[in-house]
Amino acid sequence: MQILIGNIVALIASLVMVYSGIIKQKKKIIYAQTIQIGLYILSNLILGGITGAIINALSFIRNVLCYKDKLGYKEKIIITILAIILSLSFNNLGLIGILPLISTIIYLWLMNIKNIVKFKILVIFTMTLWCTYDIYIKSYSSAIFDFMNIIANIVTIIFLLLPSNDN
């Protein structure tokens, strides 16, 4: 029953995540991701993914700060230190439990990329790490949608790079 409930919550979060993959404005992407992350915190807790829940909680704070244009160097250092300490302290999954940490640190330090194509490439890379983690903790709906989000971002990049017909 716990796996089913965790996957239902993850499914809702995943639908929001895929939607964020087709958005073309960074501020709106960050907003959608913040909603998604809040739901993933709950899902990870239900499924026993402690490091995922911790990283998502810090990512939630990160996204709120970024959305409000208050994510500076000092905030990034604090979030990085907290992420490392908390993830290593509460990791119950060995090397797999470190994947959310790696993903969040990379995303945190590169998320201020202005170029939307490069930003979407960043999302694709970090989502690949989360997909692996989600499969391991049996968050199958999350893993499926992680993959769908990767595809949505790839397709959006292709459309962004195609010559525009806006004359």
N, C-alpha and C. Protein backbone atom coordinates (compact mmCIF):
# COMPACT_ATOMS: atom_id res chain seq x y z
N MET A 1 0.82 -1.19 0.00
CA MET A 1 0.00 0.00 0.00
C MET A 1 0.87 1.26 0.00
N GLN A 2 1.98 1.20 0.75
CA GLN A 2 2.89 2.35 0.84
C GLN A 2 3.49 2.65 -0.53
N ILE A 3 3.88 1.62 -1.28
CA ILE A 3 4.46 1.83 -2.61
C ILE A 3 3.41 2.43 -3.54
N LEU A 4 2.17 1.97 -3.43
CA LEU A 4 1.09 2.50 -4.28
C LEU A 4 0.84 3.98 -3.99
N ILE A 5 0.73 4.35 -2.73
CA ILE A 5 0.47 5.75 -2.36
C ILE A 5 1.65 6.63 -2.79
N GLY A 6 2.86 6.16 -2.51
CA GLY A 6 4.05 6.93 -2.91
C GLY A 6 4.10 7.14 -4.41
N ASN A 7 3.71 6.14 -5.17
CA ASN A 7 3.71 6.25 -6.62
C ASN A 7 2.59 7.14 -7.15
N ILE A 8 1.47 7.18 -6.47
CA ILE A 8 0.37 8.08 -6.88
C ILE A 8 0.80 9.54 -6.69
N VAL A 9 1.41 9.83 -5.55
CA VAL A 9 1.91 11.19 -5.31
C VAL A 9 2.99 11.53 -6.33
N ALA A 10 3.87 10.57 -6.59
CA ALA A 10 4.94 10.79 -7.58
C ALA A 10 4.36 10.99 -8.97
N LEU A 11 3.28 10.31 -9.28
CA LEU A 11 2.63 10.46 -10.59
C LEU A 11 2.13 11.89 -10.78
N ILE A 12 1.51 12.45 -9.77
CA ILE A 12 1.04 13.83 -9.84
C ILE A 12 2.23 14.78 -10.02
N ALA A 13 3.27 14.57 -9.23
CA ALA A 13 4.48 15.39 -9.36
C ALA A 13 5.08 15.25 -10.76
N SER A 14 5.07 14.04 -11.26
CA SER A 14 5.64 13.76 -12.57
C SER A 14 4.88 14.45 -13.70
N LEU A 15 3.58 14.52 -13.59
CA LEU A 15 2.79 15.23 -14.60
C LEU A 15 3.17 16.71 -14.64
N VAL A 16 3.39 17.29 -13.48
CA VAL A 16 3.84 18.68 -13.41
C VAL A 16 5.24 18.80 -14.02
N MET A 17 6.09 17.80 -13.75
CA MET A 17 7.45 17.83 -14.28
C MET A 17 7.46 17.80 -15.81
N VAL A 18 6.67 16.91 -16.40
CA VAL A 18 6.63 16.83 -17.86
C VAL A 18 6.10 18.13 -18.44
N TYR A 19 5.11 18.70 -17.80
CA TYR A 19 4.60 20.00 -18.24
C TYR A 19 5.72 21.03 -18.24
N SER A 20 6.58 21.00 -17.21
CA SER A 20 7.68 21.96 -17.16
C SER A 20 8.66 21.76 -18.31
N GLY A 21 8.71 20.54 -18.85
CA GLY A 21 9.61 20.26 -19.96
C GLY A 21 9.23 20.94 -21.26
N ILE A 22 7.96 21.31 -21.39
CA ILE A 22 7.52 21.96 -22.64
C ILE A 22 7.42 23.48 -22.50
N ILE A 23 7.65 23.98 -21.30
CA ILE A 23 7.61 25.42 -21.07
C ILE A 23 8.88 26.05 -21.64
N LYS A 24 8.74 27.21 -22.24
CA LYS A 24 9.89 27.85 -22.89
C LYS A 24 10.41 29.08 -22.14
N GLN A 25 9.77 29.47 -21.04
CA GLN A 25 10.24 30.60 -20.24
C GLN A 25 10.80 30.07 -18.92
N LYS A 26 12.02 30.47 -18.63
CA LYS A 26 12.73 29.92 -17.47
C LYS A 26 11.99 30.17 -16.16
N LYS A 27 11.46 31.35 -15.95
CA LYS A 27 10.78 31.68 -14.69
C LYS A 27 9.57 30.75 -14.48
N LYS A 28 8.85 30.48 -15.55
CA LYS A 28 7.70 29.57 -15.46
C LYS A 28 8.15 28.13 -15.22
N ILE A 29 9.29 27.76 -15.79
CA ILE A 29 9.85 26.42 -15.56
C ILE A 29 10.17 26.26 -14.08
N ILE A 30 10.83 27.25 -13.51
CA ILE A 30 11.21 27.21 -12.08
C ILE A 30 9.96 27.11 -11.21
N TYR A 31 8.91 27.84 -11.55
CA TYR A 31 7.66 27.80 -10.78
C TYR A 31 7.05 26.40 -10.80
N ALA A 32 6.96 25.83 -12.00
CA ALA A 32 6.39 24.48 -12.13
C ALA A 32 7.25 23.46 -11.39
N GLN A 33 8.57 23.61 -11.50
CA GLN A 33 9.47 22.68 -10.80
C GLN A 33 9.30 22.77 -9.29
N THR A 34 9.01 23.94 -8.78
CA THR A 34 8.84 24.11 -7.34
C THR A 34 7.62 23.32 -6.84
N ILE A 35 6.53 23.37 -7.59
CA ILE A 35 5.34 22.59 -7.25
C ILE A 35 5.67 21.10 -7.31
N GLN A 36 6.33 20.71 -8.38
CA GLN A 36 6.73 19.31 -8.58
C GLN A 36 7.59 18.83 -7.42
N ILE A 37 8.56 19.63 -7.01
CA ILE A 37 9.49 19.25 -5.94
C ILE A 37 8.75 19.05 -4.62
N GLY A 38 7.79 19.91 -4.33
CA GLY A 38 7.01 19.76 -3.11
C GLY A 38 6.31 18.41 -3.05
N LEU A 39 5.76 17.99 -4.17
CA LEU A 39 5.10 16.69 -4.22
C LEU A 39 6.11 15.54 -4.13
N TYR A 40 7.28 15.72 -4.73
CA TYR A 40 8.30 14.68 -4.64
C TYR A 40 8.85 14.51 -3.23
N ILE A 41 8.87 15.58 -2.46
CA ILE A 41 9.29 15.45 -1.05
C ILE A 41 8.38 14.43 -0.36
N LEU A 42 7.09 14.61 -0.53
CA LEU A 42 6.12 13.71 0.09
C LEU A 42 6.28 12.29 -0.44
N SER A 43 6.41 12.13 -1.74
CA SER A 43 6.56 10.81 -2.35
C SER A 43 7.81 10.10 -1.85
N ASN A 44 8.93 10.81 -1.81
CA ASN A 44 10.18 10.20 -1.34
C ASN A 44 10.07 9.76 0.12
N LEU A 45 9.42 10.56 0.94
CA LEU A 45 9.24 10.18 2.34
C LEU A 45 8.41 8.91 2.46
N ILE A 46 7.34 8.83 1.68
CA ILE A 46 6.48 7.64 1.71
C ILE A 46 7.24 6.40 1.26
N LEU A 47 8.11 6.55 0.26
CA LEU A 47 8.82 5.41 -0.32
C LEU A 47 10.16 5.10 0.36
N GLY A 48 10.51 5.86 1.39
CA GLY A 48 11.74 5.59 2.13
C GLY A 48 13.00 6.17 1.51
N GLY A 49 12.84 7.06 0.56
CA GLY A 49 13.99 7.71 -0.06
C GLY A 49 14.37 8.96 0.72
N ILE A 50 15.06 8.76 1.82
CA ILE A 50 15.38 9.86 2.74
C ILE A 50 16.25 10.92 2.07
N THR A 51 17.32 10.48 1.38
CA THR A 51 18.19 11.48 0.74
C THR A 51 17.44 12.23 -0.35
N GLY A 52 16.55 11.55 -1.06
CA GLY A 52 15.73 12.22 -2.07
C GLY A 52 14.84 13.28 -1.45
N ALA A 53 14.24 12.96 -0.30
CA ALA A 53 13.38 13.92 0.39
C ALA A 53 14.19 15.12 0.87
N ILE A 54 15.37 14.85 1.43
CA ILE A 54 16.23 15.94 1.91
C ILE A 54 16.64 16.84 0.77
N ILE A 55 17.12 16.23 -0.30
CA ILE A 55 17.57 17.02 -1.46
C ILE A 55 16.40 17.79 -2.05
N ASN A 56 15.24 17.17 -2.13
CA ASN A 56 14.08 17.89 -2.66
C ASN A 56 13.68 19.05 -1.77
N ALA A 57 13.79 18.90 -0.46
CA ALA A 57 13.47 20.01 0.44
C ALA A 57 14.43 21.18 0.20
N LEU A 58 15.71 20.87 0.06
CA LEU A 58 16.68 21.93 -0.23
C LEU A 58 16.46 22.51 -1.63
N SER A 59 16.07 21.66 -2.57
CA SER A 59 15.79 22.13 -3.93
C SER A 59 14.56 23.03 -3.95
N PHE A 60 13.60 22.73 -3.10
CA PHE A 60 12.41 23.57 -2.99
C PHE A 60 12.82 24.98 -2.55
N ILE A 61 13.65 25.05 -1.52
CA ILE A 61 14.16 26.34 -1.03
C ILE A 61 14.95 27.04 -2.13
N ARG A 62 15.82 26.28 -2.80
CA ARG A 62 16.62 26.82 -3.91
C ARG A 62 15.73 27.44 -4.98
N ASN A 63 14.69 26.73 -5.37
CA ASN A 63 13.82 27.23 -6.44
C ASN A 63 13.04 28.47 -6.01
N VAL A 64 12.60 28.50 -4.78
CA VAL A 64 11.89 29.69 -4.28
C VAL A 64 12.84 30.89 -4.33
N LEU A 65 14.07 30.70 -3.86
CA LEU A 65 15.06 31.78 -3.90
C LEU A 65 15.35 32.21 -5.34
N CYS A 66 15.50 31.24 -6.23
CA CYS A 66 15.78 31.55 -7.63
C CYS A 66 14.61 32.30 -8.26
N TYR A 67 13.40 31.85 -8.00
CA TYR A 67 12.21 32.49 -8.55
C TYR A 67 12.13 33.95 -8.12
N LYS A 68 12.53 34.21 -6.88
CA LYS A 68 12.49 35.57 -6.34
C LYS A 68 13.79 36.34 -6.62
N ASP A 69 14.66 35.78 -7.46
CA ASP A 69 15.95 36.38 -7.80
C ASP A 69 16.80 36.67 -6.57
N LYS A 70 16.78 35.76 -5.60
CA LYS A 70 17.54 35.91 -4.36
C LYS A 70 18.53 34.76 -4.15
N LEU A 71 18.81 34.00 -5.22
CA LEU A 71 19.74 32.88 -5.11
C LEU A 71 21.12 33.35 -5.51
N GLY A 72 21.86 33.83 -4.51
CA GLY A 72 23.21 34.33 -4.74
C GLY A 72 24.26 33.31 -4.35
N TYR A 73 25.48 33.73 -4.42
CA TYR A 73 26.64 32.89 -4.12
C TYR A 73 26.57 32.34 -2.70
N LYS A 74 26.26 33.20 -1.73
CA LYS A 74 26.20 32.79 -0.33
C LYS A 74 25.11 31.72 -0.11
N GLU A 75 23.96 31.92 -0.72
CA GLU A 75 22.86 30.97 -0.59
C GLU A 75 23.23 29.62 -1.21
N LYS A 76 23.93 29.68 -2.33
CA LYS A 76 24.35 28.44 -2.99
C LYS A 76 25.34 27.66 -2.12
N ILE A 77 26.25 28.37 -1.48
CA ILE A 77 27.22 27.70 -0.60
C ILE A 77 26.50 27.04 0.58
N ILE A 78 25.56 27.76 1.18
CA ILE A 78 24.82 27.22 2.32
C ILE A 78 24.03 25.99 1.91
N ILE A 79 23.32 26.06 0.80
CA ILE A 79 22.54 24.92 0.32
C ILE A 79 23.45 23.74 -0.01
N THR A 80 24.59 24.01 -0.63
CA THR A 80 25.54 22.94 -0.96
C THR A 80 26.05 22.24 0.29
N ILE A 81 26.45 23.02 1.28
CA ILE A 81 26.96 22.44 2.53
C ILE A 81 25.88 21.62 3.23
N LEU A 82 24.67 22.18 3.32
CA LEU A 82 23.56 21.45 3.94
C LEU A 82 23.26 20.16 3.18
N ALA A 83 23.25 20.24 1.86
CA ALA A 83 22.97 19.06 1.04
C ALA A 83 23.99 17.96 1.28
N ILE A 84 25.26 18.33 1.32
CA ILE A 84 26.32 17.34 1.54
C ILE A 84 26.21 16.72 2.92
N ILE A 85 26.10 17.56 3.95
CA ILE A 85 26.05 17.06 5.32
C ILE A 85 24.83 16.18 5.54
N LEU A 86 23.66 16.67 5.14
CA LEU A 86 22.42 15.91 5.39
C LEU A 86 22.36 14.64 4.56
N SER A 87 22.76 14.72 3.30
CA SER A 87 22.73 13.52 2.45
C SER A 87 23.67 12.44 2.95
N LEU A 88 24.87 12.83 3.31
CA LEU A 88 25.83 11.83 3.79
C LEU A 88 25.42 11.28 5.16
N SER A 89 24.79 12.11 5.97
CA SER A 89 24.37 11.68 7.30
C SER A 89 23.17 10.72 7.26
N PHE A 90 22.24 10.95 6.35
CA PHE A 90 21.00 10.17 6.33
C PHE A 90 20.90 9.18 5.17
N ASN A 91 21.93 9.10 4.36
CA ASN A 91 21.89 8.19 3.22
C ASN A 91 21.72 6.75 3.69
N ASN A 92 20.67 6.12 3.22
CA ASN A 92 20.42 4.72 3.57
C ASN A 92 20.47 3.81 2.34
N LEU A 93 21.02 4.32 1.23
CA LEU A 93 20.99 3.56 -0.02
C LEU A 93 22.37 3.43 -0.68
N GLY A 94 23.43 3.69 0.03
CA GLY A 94 24.76 3.55 -0.55
C GLY A 94 25.00 4.56 -1.66
N LEU A 95 25.70 4.13 -2.71
CA LEU A 95 26.04 5.04 -3.81
C LEU A 95 24.80 5.59 -4.52
N ILE A 96 23.76 4.79 -4.63
CA ILE A 96 22.52 5.26 -5.28
C ILE A 96 21.95 6.45 -4.50
N GLY A 97 22.06 6.44 -3.19
CA GLY A 97 21.56 7.52 -2.36
C GLY A 97 22.29 8.84 -2.56
N ILE A 98 23.43 8.79 -3.22
CA ILE A 98 24.22 10.00 -3.48
C ILE A 98 23.80 10.68 -4.79
N LEU A 99 23.09 9.96 -5.66
CA LEU A 99 22.70 10.54 -6.95
C LEU A 99 21.88 11.83 -6.82
N PRO A 100 20.90 11.90 -5.91
CA PRO A 100 20.19 13.17 -5.76
C PRO A 100 21.11 14.32 -5.33
N LEU A 101 22.10 14.01 -4.50
CA LEU A 101 23.07 15.01 -4.05
C LEU A 101 23.86 15.55 -5.24
N ILE A 102 24.38 14.65 -6.06
CA ILE A 102 25.16 15.06 -7.23
C ILE A 102 24.29 15.91 -8.15
N SER A 103 23.08 15.44 -8.39
CA SER A 103 22.16 16.15 -9.27
C SER A 103 21.88 17.57 -8.77
N THR A 104 21.58 17.69 -7.50
CA THR A 104 21.20 19.00 -6.97
C THR A 104 22.36 19.98 -6.93
N ILE A 105 23.56 19.48 -6.63
CA ILE A 105 24.71 20.39 -6.59
C ILE A 105 25.02 20.91 -7.99
N ILE A 106 25.00 20.01 -8.98
CA ILE A 106 25.25 20.44 -10.37
C ILE A 106 24.18 21.44 -10.81
N TYR A 107 22.92 21.10 -10.55
CA TYR A 107 21.82 21.98 -10.95
C TYR A 107 21.91 23.33 -10.25
N LEU A 108 22.17 23.31 -8.95
CA LEU A 108 22.27 24.53 -8.16
C LEU A 108 23.28 25.50 -8.73
N TRP A 109 24.46 25.00 -9.08
CA TRP A 109 25.53 25.88 -9.52
C TRP A 109 25.43 26.28 -10.98
N LEU A 110 24.61 25.58 -11.75
CA LEU A 110 24.49 25.92 -13.17
C LEU A 110 23.11 26.45 -13.57
N MET A 111 22.16 26.49 -12.65
CA MET A 111 20.79 26.85 -13.00
C MET A 111 20.62 28.31 -13.42
N ASN A 112 21.60 29.13 -13.21
CA ASN A 112 21.49 30.53 -13.63
C ASN A 112 21.86 30.74 -15.09
N ILE A 113 22.06 29.64 -15.81
CA ILE A 113 22.34 29.71 -17.24
C ILE A 113 21.22 30.50 -17.92
N LYS A 114 21.59 31.48 -18.69
CA LYS A 114 20.58 32.31 -19.36
C LYS A 114 20.04 31.64 -20.62
N ASN A 115 20.90 30.91 -21.33
CA ASN A 115 20.51 30.27 -22.58
C ASN A 115 19.55 29.12 -22.29
N ILE A 116 18.34 29.18 -22.84
CA ILE A 116 17.29 28.20 -22.54
C ILE A 116 17.68 26.80 -23.03
N VAL A 117 18.38 26.70 -24.15
CA VAL A 117 18.80 25.39 -24.65
C VAL A 117 19.80 24.75 -23.68
N LYS A 118 20.78 25.53 -23.24
CA LYS A 118 21.75 25.00 -22.27
C LYS A 118 21.07 24.65 -20.95
N PHE A 119 20.09 25.44 -20.55
CA PHE A 119 19.34 25.15 -19.33
C PHE A 119 18.60 23.83 -19.47
N LYS A 120 18.00 23.60 -20.60
CA LYS A 120 17.27 22.34 -20.82
C LYS A 120 18.23 21.15 -20.87
N ILE A 121 19.44 21.34 -21.39
CA ILE A 121 20.45 20.28 -21.37
C ILE A 121 20.81 19.94 -19.92
N LEU A 122 20.94 20.97 -19.09
CA LEU A 122 21.19 20.77 -17.67
C LEU A 122 20.06 19.94 -17.04
N VAL A 123 18.82 20.27 -17.36
CA VAL A 123 17.68 19.53 -16.83
C VAL A 123 17.75 18.06 -17.28
N ILE A 124 18.08 17.83 -18.53
CA ILE A 124 18.18 16.46 -19.05
C ILE A 124 19.22 15.66 -18.26
N PHE A 125 20.39 16.25 -18.05
CA PHE A 125 21.45 15.54 -17.33
C PHE A 125 21.03 15.22 -15.89
N THR A 126 20.50 16.20 -15.19
CA THR A 126 20.14 15.97 -13.79
C THR A 126 18.95 15.02 -13.67
N MET A 127 18.05 15.05 -14.63
CA MET A 127 16.91 14.13 -14.62
C MET A 127 17.36 12.69 -14.83
N THR A 128 18.43 12.50 -15.57
CA THR A 128 18.96 11.15 -15.78
C THR A 128 19.43 10.55 -14.45
N LEU A 129 20.06 11.37 -13.62
CA LEU A 129 20.49 10.90 -12.30
C LEU A 129 19.28 10.55 -11.43
N TRP A 130 18.26 11.41 -11.46
CA TRP A 130 17.05 11.16 -10.68
C TRP A 130 16.33 9.91 -11.19
N CYS A 131 16.32 9.68 -12.47
CA CYS A 131 15.65 8.50 -13.04
C CYS A 131 16.26 7.23 -12.45
N THR A 132 17.57 7.18 -12.38
CA THR A 132 18.26 6.03 -11.81
C THR A 132 17.87 5.84 -10.34
N TYR A 133 17.86 6.93 -9.59
CA TYR A 133 17.48 6.88 -8.17
C TYR A 133 16.04 6.42 -8.00
N ASP A 134 15.14 6.97 -8.81
CA ASP A 134 13.73 6.63 -8.71
C ASP A 134 13.47 5.16 -9.00
N ILE A 135 14.17 4.61 -9.98
CA ILE A 135 14.02 3.17 -10.26
C ILE A 135 14.45 2.37 -9.04
N TYR A 136 15.54 2.76 -8.43
CA TYR A 136 16.06 2.02 -7.28
C TYR A 136 15.10 2.04 -6.09
N ILE A 137 14.45 3.17 -5.82
CA ILE A 137 13.55 3.23 -4.66
C ILE A 137 12.13 2.78 -5.01
N LYS A 138 11.97 2.25 -6.23
CA LYS A 138 10.69 1.73 -6.71
C LYS A 138 9.64 2.81 -6.95
N SER A 139 10.10 4.00 -7.23
CA SER A 139 9.19 5.08 -7.62
C SER A 139 9.06 5.01 -9.14
N TYR A 140 8.36 3.97 -9.59
CA TYR A 140 8.30 3.67 -11.01
C TYR A 140 7.59 4.74 -11.82
N SER A 141 6.54 5.32 -11.24
CA SER A 141 5.86 6.39 -11.97
C SER A 141 6.80 7.58 -12.14
N SER A 142 7.60 7.87 -11.13
CA SER A 142 8.58 8.95 -11.25
C SER A 142 9.59 8.64 -12.34
N ALA A 143 10.10 7.42 -12.36
CA ALA A 143 11.12 7.05 -13.33
C ALA A 143 10.57 7.15 -14.76
N ILE A 144 9.36 6.70 -14.96
CA ILE A 144 8.75 6.80 -16.30
C ILE A 144 8.64 8.25 -16.71
N PHE A 145 8.21 9.08 -15.80
CA PHE A 145 8.04 10.49 -16.12
C PHE A 145 9.37 11.24 -16.15
N ASP A 146 10.36 10.78 -15.39
CA ASP A 146 11.70 11.35 -15.54
C ASP A 146 12.12 11.18 -17.00
N PHE A 147 11.93 9.97 -17.51
CA PHE A 147 12.29 9.68 -18.89
C PHE A 147 11.46 10.53 -19.86
N MET A 148 10.16 10.66 -19.60
CA MET A 148 9.30 11.48 -20.46
C MET A 148 9.74 12.95 -20.42
N ASN A 149 10.16 13.42 -19.26
CA ASN A 149 10.64 14.79 -19.13
C ASN A 149 11.92 14.98 -19.93
N ILE A 150 12.79 14.00 -19.89
CA ILE A 150 14.01 14.06 -20.69
C ILE A 150 13.64 14.18 -22.17
N ILE A 151 12.71 13.36 -22.62
CA ILE A 151 12.27 13.40 -24.03
C ILE A 151 11.61 14.75 -24.35
N ALA A 152 10.74 15.24 -23.45
CA ALA A 152 10.07 16.53 -23.69
C ALA A 152 11.08 17.66 -23.83
N ASN A 153 12.12 17.63 -23.00
CA ASN A 153 13.16 18.66 -23.08
C ASN A 153 13.96 18.54 -24.37
N ILE A 154 14.25 17.32 -24.79
CA ILE A 154 14.97 17.12 -26.05
C ILE A 154 14.14 17.65 -27.22
N VAL A 155 12.86 17.31 -27.25
CA VAL A 155 11.97 17.78 -28.32
C VAL A 155 11.88 19.30 -28.31
N THR A 156 11.75 19.89 -27.13
CA THR A 156 11.67 21.35 -27.03
C THR A 156 12.97 21.99 -27.52
N ILE A 157 14.10 21.40 -27.20
CA ILE A 157 15.38 21.92 -27.70
C ILE A 157 15.40 21.89 -29.23
N ILE A 158 14.94 20.80 -29.79
CA ILE A 158 14.90 20.68 -31.26
C ILE A 158 14.05 21.80 -31.85
N PHE A 159 12.86 22.02 -31.27
CA PHE A 159 11.98 23.07 -31.78
C PHE A 159 12.58 24.46 -31.57
N LEU A 160 13.28 24.65 -30.47
CA LEU A 160 13.92 25.94 -30.23
C LEU A 160 15.05 26.21 -31.24
N LEU A 161 15.70 25.15 -31.70
CA LEU A 161 16.82 25.30 -32.62
C LEU A 161 16.40 25.35 -34.09
N LEU A 162 15.18 24.95 -34.37
CA LEU A 162 14.69 25.01 -35.75
C LEU A 162 14.50 26.47 -36.17
N PRO A 163 14.71 26.76 -37.45
CA PRO A 163 14.46 28.13 -37.92
C PRO A 163 12.99 28.50 -37.69
N SER A 164 12.78 29.70 -37.24
CA SER A 164 11.44 30.18 -36.94
C SER A 164 10.73 30.65 -38.21
N ASN A 165 9.43 30.43 -38.24
CA ASN A 165 8.60 30.91 -39.35
C ASN A 165 7.87 32.20 -38.98
N ASP A 166 8.30 32.82 -37.89
CA ASP A 166 7.67 34.07 -37.42
C ASP A 166 8.19 35.24 -38.23
N ASN A 167 7.56 35.53 -39.35
CA ASN A 167 8.01 36.64 -40.22
C ASN A 167 7.47 37.94 -39.77
